Amino acid sequence: MSKKMVENKKKSNQKKMTLAIKIIKSKKSGFYTFEKKMLSNGEVNIFFLKK
């Protein structure tokens, strides 16, 4: 295989990832905390719907 064929195969296996940051208010102290996760683009909406 040529180099271009190998590079194209590697690119097709990669997923686009997003850093999702959700702000959560603590019930006990009232302070805000941040929840950070690296997710694929399809899972981002599910992450923000959870409480």
C-alpha atoms as a PDB file:
ATOM      1  CA  MET A   1       0.000   0.000   0.000  1.00  0.00           C
ATOM      2  CA  SER A   2       1.095   3.492  -0.632  1.00  0.00           C
ATOM      3  CA  LYS A   3       1.549   5.979   2.188  1.00  0.00           C
ATOM      4  CA  LYS A   4      -1.600   7.903   1.256  1.00  0.00           C
ATOM      5  CA  MET A   5      -3.772   4.784   1.524  1.00  0.00           C
ATOM      6  CA  VAL A   6      -2.450   4.050   5.022  1.00  0.00           C
ATOM      7  CA  GLU A   7      -2.989   7.651   6.159  1.00  0.00           C
ATOM      8  CA  ASN A   8      -6.560   7.690   4.827  1.00  0.00           C
ATOM      9  CA  LYS A   9      -7.411   4.506   6.740  1.00  0.00           C
ATOM     10  CA  LYS A  10      -6.113   6.018   9.980  1.00  0.00           C
ATOM     11  CA  LYS A  11      -8.188   9.168   9.506  1.00  0.00           C
ATOM     12  CA  SER A  12     -11.419   7.227   8.954  1.00  0.00           C
ATOM     13  CA  ASN A  13     -11.066   5.430  12.313  1.00  0.00           C
ATOM     14  CA  GLN A  14     -10.790   8.641  14.335  1.00  0.00           C
ATOM     15  CA  LYS A  15     -13.820  10.076  16.137  1.00  0.00           C
ATOM     16  CA  LYS A  16     -14.441  13.750  16.660  1.00  0.00           C
ATOM     17  CA  MET A  17     -14.371  14.449  20.381  1.00  0.00           C
ATOM     18  CA  THR A  18     -15.755  17.397  22.326  1.00  0.00           C
ATOM     19  CA  LEU A  19     -14.888  18.628  25.807  1.00  0.00           C
ATOM     20  CA  ALA A  20     -18.245  19.063  27.562  1.00  0.00           C
ATOM     21  CA  ILE A  21     -18.314  21.185  30.730  1.00  0.00           C
ATOM     22  CA  LYS A  22     -21.433  21.236  32.906  1.00  0.00           C
ATOM     23  CA  ILE A  23     -21.924  23.620  35.849  1.00  0.00           C
ATOM     24  CA  ILE A  24     -23.549  21.987  38.884  1.00  0.00           C
ATOM     25  CA  LYS A  25     -24.691  23.836  42.002  1.00  0.00           C
ATOM     26  CA  SER A  26     -24.086  22.000  45.272  1.00  0.00           C
ATOM     27  CA  LYS A  27     -27.222  21.561  47.385  1.00  0.00           C
ATOM     28  CA  LYS A  28     -25.302  21.579  50.677  1.00  0.00           C
ATOM     29  CA  SER A  29     -22.978  24.553  50.313  1.00  0.00           C
ATOM     30  CA  GLY A  30     -24.444  26.470  47.372  1.00  0.00           C
ATOM     31  CA  PHE A  31     -21.095  26.572  45.574  1.00  0.00           C
ATOM     32  CA  TYR A  32     -20.758  25.752  41.892  1.00  0.00           C
ATOM     33  CA  THR A  33     -18.666  22.851  40.634  1.00  0.00           C
ATOM     34  CA  PHE A  34     -17.713  21.878  37.112  1.00  0.00           C
ATOM     35  CA  GLU A  35     -18.088  18.423  35.608  1.00  0.00           C
ATOM     36  CA  LYS A  36     -15.810  17.889  32.596  1.00  0.00           C
ATOM     37  CA  LYS A  37     -15.859  14.958  30.172  1.00  0.00           C
ATOM     38  CA  MET A  38     -14.442  14.151  26.743  1.00  0.00           C
ATOM     39  CA  LEU A  39     -17.323  12.816  24.650  1.00  0.00           C
ATOM     40  CA  SER A  40     -18.044  11.976  21.053  1.00  0.00           C
ATOM     41  CA  ASN A  41     -20.337  14.419  19.283  1.00  0.00           C
ATOM     42  CA  GLY A  42     -23.358  12.100  19.569  1.00  0.00           C
ATOM     43  CA  GLU A  43     -23.098  11.765  23.357  1.00  0.00           C
ATOM     44  CA  VAL A  44     -22.908  15.493  24.154  1.00  0.00           C
ATOM     45  CA  ASN A  45     -26.679  16.077  24.181  1.00  0.00           C
ATOM     46  CA  ILE A  46     -27.232  13.069  26.466  1.00  0.00           C
ATOM     47  CA  PHE A  47     -24.600  14.404  28.889  1.00  0.00           C
ATOM     48  CA  PHE A  48     -26.383  17.757  29.256  1.00  0.00           C
ATOM     49  CA  LEU A  49     -29.840  16.192  29.681  1.00  0.00           C
ATOM     50  CA  LYS A  50     -28.770  14.205  32.777  1.00  0.00           C
ATOM     51  CA  LYS A  51     -29.175  15.863  36.156  1.00  0.00           C
END
